[in-house]
Amino acid sequence: MNIISVKNFLLPFAICLLMAVALYPDSQLNPEHYSTEGLELDFNISKDIAMTSQEEVIMFNMFTPHLGKSFEGFKEALAFKESRGDYFTVNTLGYLGKYQFGKETLKVIGIYNPNQFLYNPELQEKAFVANTERNKWVLRKDIKRFEGKLIGGVKVSESGILAAAHLAGPGSVKKFLRSYGGFNFSDAYGSSIKHYMKKFSGYDTSFITPDKKARVTL
């Protein structure tokens, strides 16, 4: 029993001793060997890189498909202006989703549950198309009459008219066109019909078919 007890004592002791020796700092280390004195530690980046803004770096590294002046380009550009493309946002005036729809406009195209609308991206995309179809029907004569003309220094295009109708409603756009820019509605955040008419000019919205009774169905 004594031999076994000695072995049980010595083995753990030996292990502890070895660990202590391994971890004990070497008193022979010479701090001068690790000194940075005399070394050139200039890690300044180049002026070109330093002057690059964070936004430029992000844009450089982020892959973005080129949508150009397609209908998808129109839709996404307008969504970015409205909400930065956020499906789930509600602004201070209660406008909802990626395209910032008002509750009354949603009712016109057959959507009566704003909460369901806010949390359903597919429904929001279909709502945008349906609303644009309806606006195009309401403004069909004005598109034909004014497209290509210069009003208030802005060349009128179909996509510009439809974007402005999304902002202010087709009735307000009619007033703008027929007053030759004299009536220029602005929303609570300062965005005007004229601004939208210019910003969203020249996109291909031929995809949209005028439809007086456009409704959303899932």
C-alpha atoms as a PDB file:
ATOM      1  CA  MET A   1       0.000   0.000   0.000  1.00  0.00           C
ATOM      2  CA  ASN A   2       2.909   2.343   0.810  1.00  0.00           C
ATOM      3  CA  ILE A   3       4.461   1.882  -2.643  1.00  0.00           C
ATOM      4  CA  ILE A   4       1.136   2.602  -4.327  1.00  0.00           C
ATOM      5  CA  SER A   5       0.627   5.713  -2.176  1.00  0.00           C
ATOM      6  CA  VAL A   6       4.093   7.025  -3.071  1.00  0.00           C
ATOM      7  CA  LYS A   7       3.396   6.501  -6.768  1.00  0.00           C
ATOM      8  CA  ASN A   8       0.039   8.291  -6.479  1.00  0.00           C
ATOM      9  CA  PHE A   9       1.840  11.231  -4.848  1.00  0.00           C
ATOM     10  CA  LEU A  10       4.901  11.398  -7.077  1.00  0.00           C
ATOM     11  CA  LEU A  11       3.108  11.265 -10.430  1.00  0.00           C
ATOM     12  CA  PRO A  12       0.917  14.347  -9.919  1.00  0.00           C
ATOM     13  CA  PHE A  13       3.852  16.156  -8.280  1.00  0.00           C
ATOM     14  CA  ALA A  14       6.099  15.465 -11.270  1.00  0.00           C
ATOM     15  CA  ILE A  15       3.448  16.717 -13.688  1.00  0.00           C
ATOM     16  CA  CYS A  16       2.951  19.930 -11.705  1.00  0.00           C
ATOM     17  CA  LEU A  17       6.708  20.495 -11.526  1.00  0.00           C
ATOM     18  CA  LEU A  18       7.143  20.132 -15.281  1.00  0.00           C
ATOM     19  CA  MET A  19       4.287  22.583 -15.967  1.00  0.00           C
ATOM     20  CA  ALA A  20       5.743  25.114 -13.534  1.00  0.00           C
ATOM     21  CA  VAL A  21       9.171  24.913 -15.179  1.00  0.00           C
ATOM     22  CA  ALA A  22       7.645  25.279 -18.642  1.00  0.00           C
ATOM     23  CA  LEU A  23       5.577  28.328 -17.677  1.00  0.00           C
ATOM     24  CA  TYR A  24       8.167  30.087 -15.500  1.00  0.00           C
ATOM     25  CA  PRO A  25       9.612  33.112 -17.340  1.00  0.00           C
ATOM     26  CA  ASP A  26      13.141  32.787 -18.593  1.00  0.00           C
ATOM     27  CA  SER A  27      15.207  35.207 -16.572  1.00  0.00           C
ATOM     28  CA  GLN A  28      17.894  35.081 -19.256  1.00  0.00           C
ATOM     29  CA  LEU A  29      15.707  36.874 -21.842  1.00  0.00           C
ATOM     30  CA  ASN A  30      17.356  40.058 -23.022  1.00  0.00           C
ATOM     31  CA  PRO A  31      14.786  42.868 -23.556  1.00  0.00           C
ATOM     32  CA  GLU A  32      17.165  44.566 -26.000  1.00  0.00           C
ATOM     33  CA  HIS A  33      16.571  41.748 -28.470  1.00  0.00           C
ATOM     34  CA  TYR A  34      12.907  42.813 -28.682  1.00  0.00           C
ATOM     35  CA  SER A  35      13.407  46.562 -28.863  1.00  0.00           C
ATOM     36  CA  THR A  36      11.950  48.550 -31.797  1.00  0.00           C
ATOM     37  CA  GLU A  37      14.596  51.265 -31.459  1.00  0.00           C
ATOM     38  CA  GLY A  38      16.105  52.137 -34.795  1.00  0.00           C
ATOM     39  CA  LEU A  39      13.412  50.363 -36.824  1.00  0.00           C
ATOM     40  CA  GLU A  40      11.399  52.305 -39.433  1.00  0.00           C
ATOM     41  CA  LEU A  41       7.790  51.775 -38.422  1.00  0.00           C
ATOM     42  CA  ASP A  42       6.022  53.962 -41.000  1.00  0.00           C
ATOM     43  CA  PHE A  43       2.765  52.234 -41.906  1.00  0.00           C
ATOM     44  CA  ASN A  44       0.983  55.252 -43.395  1.00  0.00           C
ATOM     45  CA  ILE A  45      -1.317  54.345 -46.294  1.00  0.00           C
ATOM     46  CA  SER A  46      -1.099  56.120 -49.611  1.00  0.00           C
ATOM     47  CA  LYS A  47      -2.885  59.425 -50.137  1.00  0.00           C
ATOM     48  CA  ASP A  48      -5.139  57.911 -52.831  1.00  0.00           C
ATOM     49  CA  ILE A  49      -6.444  55.250 -50.458  1.00  0.00           C
ATOM     50  CA  ALA A  50      -6.736  57.655 -47.549  1.00  0.00           C
ATOM     51  CA  MET A  51      -8.857  60.057 -49.592  1.00  0.00           C
ATOM     52  CA  THR A  52     -11.301  57.334 -50.641  1.00  0.00           C
ATOM     53  CA  SER A  53     -14.618  57.792 -48.887  1.00  0.00           C
ATOM     54  CA  GLN A  54     -16.276  54.943 -47.009  1.00  0.00           C
ATOM     55  CA  GLU A  55     -19.192  55.086 -49.450  1.00  0.00           C
ATOM     56  CA  GLU A  56     -16.827  54.639 -52.403  1.00  0.00           C
ATOM     57  CA  VAL A  57     -15.184  51.639 -50.723  1.00  0.00           C
ATOM     58  CA  ILE A  58     -18.579  50.048 -50.107  1.00  0.00           C
ATOM     59  CA  MET A  59     -19.725  50.675 -53.658  1.00  0.00           C
ATOM     60  CA  PHE A  60     -16.465  49.264 -55.025  1.00  0.00           C
ATOM     61  CA  ASN A  61     -16.827  46.035 -53.084  1.00  0.00           C
ATOM     62  CA  MET A  62     -20.562  45.569 -53.493  1.00  0.00           C
ATOM     63  CA  PHE A  63     -21.873  43.761 -56.571  1.00  0.00           C
ATOM     64  CA  THR A  64     -24.857  45.552 -58.021  1.00  0.00           C
ATOM     65  CA  PRO A  65     -26.506  44.373 -61.242  1.00  0.00           C
ATOM     66  CA  HIS A  66     -26.752  47.099 -63.855  1.00  0.00           C
ATOM     67  CA  LEU A  67     -30.462  47.703 -64.300  1.00  0.00           C
ATOM     68  CA  GLY A  68     -30.035  50.763 -66.469  1.00  0.00           C
ATOM     69  CA  LYS A  69     -33.228  52.351 -67.765  1.00  0.00           C
ATOM     70  CA  SER A  70     -35.260  49.140 -67.648  1.00  0.00           C
ATOM     71  CA  PHE A  71     -38.549  48.875 -65.778  1.00  0.00           C
ATOM     72  CA  GLU A  72     -36.691  47.090 -62.973  1.00  0.00           C
ATOM     73  CA  GLY A  73     -34.278  50.008 -62.897  1.00  0.00           C
ATOM     74  CA  PHE A  74     -37.215  52.424 -62.650  1.00  0.00           C
ATOM     75  CA  LYS A  75     -38.866  50.434 -59.880  1.00  0.00           C
ATOM     76  CA  GLU A  76     -35.724  50.042 -57.788  1.00  0.00           C
ATOM     77  CA  ALA A  77     -34.612  53.649 -58.259  1.00  0.00           C
ATOM     78  CA  LEU A  78     -37.998  54.886 -57.100  1.00  0.00           C
ATOM     79  CA  ALA A  79     -37.971  52.467 -54.150  1.00  0.00           C
ATOM     80  CA  PHE A  80     -34.540  53.694 -53.091  1.00  0.00           C
ATOM     81  CA  LYS A  81     -35.755  57.290 -53.144  1.00  0.00           C
ATOM     82  CA  GLU A  82     -38.866  56.400 -51.153  1.00  0.00           C
ATOM     83  CA  SER A  83     -37.409  54.122 -48.464  1.00  0.00           C
ATOM     84  CA  ARG A  84     -33.901  53.039 -49.462  1.00  0.00           C
ATOM     85  CA  GLY A  85     -35.537  49.802 -50.538  1.00  0.00           C
ATOM     86  CA  ASP A  86     -36.749  48.805 -47.070  1.00  0.00           C
ATOM     87  CA  TYR A  87     -39.901  46.657 -47.230  1.00  0.00           C
ATOM     88  CA  PHE A  88     -40.579  46.932 -43.508  1.00  0.00           C
ATOM     89  CA  THR A  89     -40.326  50.657 -42.843  1.00  0.00           C
ATOM     90  CA  VAL A  90     -43.093  53.085 -41.865  1.00  0.00           C
ATOM     91  CA  ASN A  91     -42.363  56.803 -42.136  1.00  0.00           C
ATOM     92  CA  THR A  92     -43.428  59.543 -39.757  1.00  0.00           C
ATOM     93  CA  LEU A  93     -46.635  60.124 -41.735  1.00  0.00           C
ATOM     94  CA  GLY A  94     -47.642  56.466 -41.699  1.00  0.00           C
ATOM     95  CA  TYR A  95     -46.659  55.586 -45.271  1.00  0.00           C
ATOM     96  CA  LEU A  96     -45.757  51.945 -45.604  1.00  0.00           C
ATOM     97  CA  GLY A  97     -43.092  49.722 -47.060  1.00  0.00           C
ATOM     98  CA  LYS A  98     -40.581  49.812 -49.850  1.00  0.00           C
ATOM     99  CA  TYR A  99     -42.645  52.147 -52.040  1.00  0.00           C
ATOM    100  CA  GLN A 100     -44.232  54.135 -49.191  1.00  0.00           C
ATOM    101  CA  PHE A 101     -47.914  53.528 -49.874  1.00  0.00           C
ATOM    102  CA  GLY A 102     -50.677  55.370 -48.075  1.00  0.00           C
ATOM    103  CA  LYS A 103     -53.536  53.320 -46.637  1.00  0.00           C
ATOM    104  CA  GLU A 104     -56.149  54.996 -48.860  1.00  0.00           C
ATOM    105  CA  THR A 105     -54.169  54.245 -52.010  1.00  0.00           C
ATOM    106  CA  LEU A 106     -53.899  50.612 -50.935  1.00  0.00           C
ATOM    107  CA  LYS A 107     -57.678  50.393 -50.620  1.00  0.00           C
ATOM    108  CA  VAL A 108     -58.069  51.625 -54.203  1.00  0.00           C
ATOM    109  CA  ILE A 109     -56.059  48.644 -55.470  1.00  0.00           C
ATOM    110  CA  GLY A 110     -57.770  46.110 -53.204  1.00  0.00           C
ATOM    111  CA  ILE A 111     -55.552  45.945 -50.097  1.00  0.00           C
ATOM    112  CA  TYR A 112     -57.359  46.487 -46.800  1.00  0.00           C
ATOM    113  CA  ASN A 113     -54.915  45.081 -44.268  1.00  0.00           C
ATOM    114  CA  PRO A 114     -51.916  47.435 -43.904  1.00  0.00           C
ATOM    115  CA  ASN A 115     -50.154  45.162 -41.429  1.00  0.00           C
ATOM    116  CA  GLN A 116     -50.318  42.202 -43.811  1.00  0.00           C
ATOM    117  CA  PHE A 117     -49.095  44.465 -46.594  1.00  0.00           C
ATOM    118  CA  LEU A 118     -46.106  45.710 -44.585  1.00  0.00           C
ATOM    119  CA  TYR A 119     -44.779  42.218 -43.887  1.00  0.00           C
ATOM    120  CA  ASN A 120     -45.344  40.755 -47.355  1.00  0.00           C
ATOM    121  CA  PRO A 121     -42.710  41.835 -49.937  1.00  0.00           C
ATOM    122  CA  GLU A 122     -44.503  39.959 -52.746  1.00  0.00           C
ATOM    123  CA  LEU A 123     -47.685  41.892 -52.015  1.00  0.00           C
ATOM    124  CA  GLN A 124     -45.758  45.166 -52.060  1.00  0.00           C
ATOM    125  CA  GLU A 125     -44.232  44.432 -55.465  1.00  0.00           C
ATOM    126  CA  LYS A 126     -47.631  43.564 -56.912  1.00  0.00           C
ATOM    127  CA  ALA A 127     -49.137  46.678 -55.353  1.00  0.00           C
ATOM    128  CA  PHE A 128     -46.550  48.843 -57.071  1.00  0.00           C
ATOM    129  CA  VAL A 129     -47.336  47.367 -60.469  1.00  0.00           C
ATOM    130  CA  ALA A 130     -51.111  47.584 -59.973  1.00  0.00           C
ATOM    131  CA  ASN A 131     -50.948  51.194 -58.786  1.00  0.00           C
ATOM    132  CA  THR A 132     -48.712  52.154 -61.697  1.00  0.00           C
ATOM    133  CA  GLU A 133     -51.120  50.462 -64.137  1.00  0.00           C
ATOM    134  CA  ARG A 134     -53.996  52.446 -62.685  1.00  0.00           C
ATOM    135  CA  ASN A 135     -52.043  55.730 -62.772  1.00  0.00           C
ATOM    136  CA  LYS A 136     -51.073  55.093 -66.378  1.00  0.00           C
ATOM    137  CA  TRP A 137     -54.746  54.640 -67.298  1.00  0.00           C
ATOM    138  CA  VAL A 138     -55.756  57.869 -65.505  1.00  0.00           C
ATOM    139  CA  LEU A 139     -52.926  59.789 -67.195  1.00  0.00           C
ATOM    140  CA  ARG A 140     -53.003  58.077 -70.598  1.00  0.00           C
ATOM    141  CA  LYS A 141     -54.204  61.189 -72.460  1.00  0.00           C
ATOM    142  CA  ASP A 142     -51.733  63.460 -70.708  1.00  0.00           C
ATOM    143  CA  ILE A 143     -48.853  61.083 -71.464  1.00  0.00           C
ATOM    144  CA  LYS A 144     -49.781  61.186 -75.146  1.00  0.00           C
ATOM    145  CA  ARG A 145     -50.203  64.971 -75.125  1.00  0.00           C
ATOM    146  CA  PHE A 146     -47.147  66.063 -73.127  1.00  0.00           C
ATOM    147  CA  GLU A 147     -44.478  63.372 -73.584  1.00  0.00           C
ATOM    148  CA  GLY A 148     -41.345  64.876 -75.115  1.00  0.00           C
ATOM    149  CA  LYS A 149     -42.327  68.456 -74.306  1.00  0.00           C
ATOM    150  CA  LEU A 150     -40.357  70.771 -72.053  1.00  0.00           C
ATOM    151  CA  ILE A 151     -42.250  71.932 -68.949  1.00  0.00           C
ATOM    152  CA  GLY A 152     -40.550  74.034 -66.317  1.00  0.00           C
ATOM    153  CA  GLY A 153     -37.176  73.146 -67.785  1.00  0.00           C
ATOM    154  CA  VAL A 154     -37.879  69.416 -67.548  1.00  0.00           C
ATOM    155  CA  LYS A 155     -38.368  67.153 -70.536  1.00  0.00           C
ATOM    156  CA  VAL A 156     -41.532  65.174 -69.938  1.00  0.00           C
ATOM    157  CA  SER A 157     -41.369  61.379 -70.216  1.00  0.00           C
ATOM    158  CA  GLU A 158     -43.813  58.620 -69.426  1.00  0.00           C
ATOM    159  CA  SER A 159     -41.674  57.274 -66.600  1.00  0.00           C
ATOM    160  CA  GLY A 160     -41.317  60.750 -65.104  1.00  0.00           C
ATOM    161  CA  ILE A 161     -45.089  61.193 -65.172  1.00  0.00           C
ATOM    162  CA  LEU A 162     -45.656  57.806 -63.511  1.00  0.00           C
ATOM    163  CA  ALA A 163     -43.051  58.487 -60.830  1.00  0.00           C
ATOM    164  CA  ALA A 164     -44.629  61.859 -60.077  1.00  0.00           C
ATOM    165  CA  ALA A 165     -48.053  60.177 -59.897  1.00  0.00           C
ATOM    166  CA  HIS A 166     -46.655  57.750 -57.336  1.00  0.00           C
ATOM    167  CA  LEU A 167     -45.509  60.713 -55.271  1.00  0.00           C
ATOM    168  CA  ALA A 168     -48.484  63.038 -55.574  1.00  0.00           C
ATOM    169  CA  GLY A 169     -51.324  61.096 -57.185  1.00  0.00           C
ATOM    170  CA  PRO A 170     -52.417  61.257 -60.829  1.00  0.00           C
ATOM    171  CA  GLY A 171     -54.753  64.215 -60.233  1.00  0.00           C
ATOM    172  CA  SER A 172     -51.912  66.446 -59.046  1.00  0.00           C
ATOM    173  CA  VAL A 173     -49.768  65.424 -62.012  1.00  0.00           C
ATOM    174  CA  LYS A 174     -52.578  66.399 -64.381  1.00  0.00           C
ATOM    175  CA  LYS A 175     -52.672  69.839 -62.776  1.00  0.00           C
ATOM    176  CA  PHE A 176     -48.895  70.187 -63.101  1.00  0.00           C
ATOM    177  CA  LEU A 177     -48.897  69.281 -66.786  1.00  0.00           C
ATOM    178  CA  ARG A 178     -51.958  71.285 -67.760  1.00  0.00           C
ATOM    179  CA  SER A 179     -50.709  74.376 -65.917  1.00  0.00           C
ATOM    180  CA  TYR A 180     -47.314  73.927 -67.617  1.00  0.00           C
ATOM    181  CA  GLY A 181     -45.583  73.682 -64.263  1.00  0.00           C
ATOM    182  CA  GLY A 182     -47.571  76.403 -62.539  1.00  0.00           C
ATOM    183  CA  PHE A 183     -48.983  73.889 -60.050  1.00  0.00           C
ATOM    184  CA  ASN A 184     -46.071  72.028 -58.493  1.00  0.00           C
ATOM    185  CA  PHE A 185     -47.159  69.933 -55.518  1.00  0.00           C
ATOM    186  CA  SER A 186     -44.529  69.061 -52.867  1.00  0.00           C
ATOM    187  CA  ASP A 187     -44.935  66.440 -50.150  1.00  0.00           C
ATOM    188  CA  ALA A 188     -44.230  66.957 -46.446  1.00  0.00           C
ATOM    189  CA  TYR A 189     -40.545  66.170 -46.991  1.00  0.00           C
ATOM    190  CA  GLY A 190     -40.095  68.684 -49.814  1.00  0.00           C
ATOM    191  CA  SER A 191     -40.123  66.325 -52.816  1.00  0.00           C
ATOM    192  CA  SER A 192     -41.968  67.930 -55.715  1.00  0.00           C
ATOM    193  CA  ILE A 193     -43.684  66.742 -58.885  1.00  0.00           C
ATOM    194  CA  LYS A 194     -41.094  68.588 -60.949  1.00  0.00           C
ATOM    195  CA  HIS A 195     -38.230  66.920 -59.070  1.00  0.00           C
ATOM    196  CA  TYR A 196     -39.668  63.442 -59.607  1.00  0.00           C
ATOM    197  CA  MET A 197     -40.452  64.217 -63.232  1.00  0.00           C
ATOM    198  CA  LYS A 198     -36.789  65.036 -63.813  1.00  0.00           C
ATOM    199  CA  LYS A 199     -35.174  62.424 -61.553  1.00  0.00           C
ATOM    200  CA  PHE A 200     -37.076  59.477 -63.050  1.00  0.00           C
ATOM    201  CA  SER A 201     -37.101  60.561 -66.662  1.00  0.00           C
ATOM    202  CA  GLY A 202     -36.271  58.226 -69.532  1.00  0.00           C
ATOM    203  CA  TYR A 203     -36.967  54.800 -68.036  1.00  0.00           C
ATOM    204  CA  ASP A 204     -38.732  52.122 -70.069  1.00  0.00           C
ATOM    205  CA  THR A 205     -42.208  51.753 -68.589  1.00  0.00           C
ATOM    206  CA  SER A 206     -43.777  50.198 -71.663  1.00  0.00           C
ATOM    207  CA  PHE A 207     -44.138  47.037 -69.558  1.00  0.00           C
ATOM    208  CA  ILE A 208     -47.025  48.735 -67.746  1.00  0.00           C
ATOM    209  CA  THR A 209     -50.444  48.309 -69.355  1.00  0.00           C
ATOM    210  CA  PRO A 210     -53.035  51.009 -68.532  1.00  0.00           C
ATOM    211  CA  ASP A 211     -55.753  49.442 -66.394  1.00  0.00           C
ATOM    212  CA  LYS A 212     -58.620  51.381 -64.853  1.00  0.00           C
ATOM    213  CA  LYS A 213     -59.533  48.510 -62.529  1.00  0.00           C
ATOM    214  CA  ALA A 214     -56.062  47.307 -61.583  1.00  0.00           C
ATOM    215  CA  ARG A 215     -56.205  45.247 -58.402  1.00  0.00           C
ATOM    216  CA  VAL A 216     -53.739  43.144 -56.425  1.00  0.00           C
ATOM    217  CA  THR A 217     -54.239  39.394 -56.234  1.00  0.00           C
ATOM    218  CA  LEU A 218     -51.881  36.878 -54.642  1.00  0.00           C
END
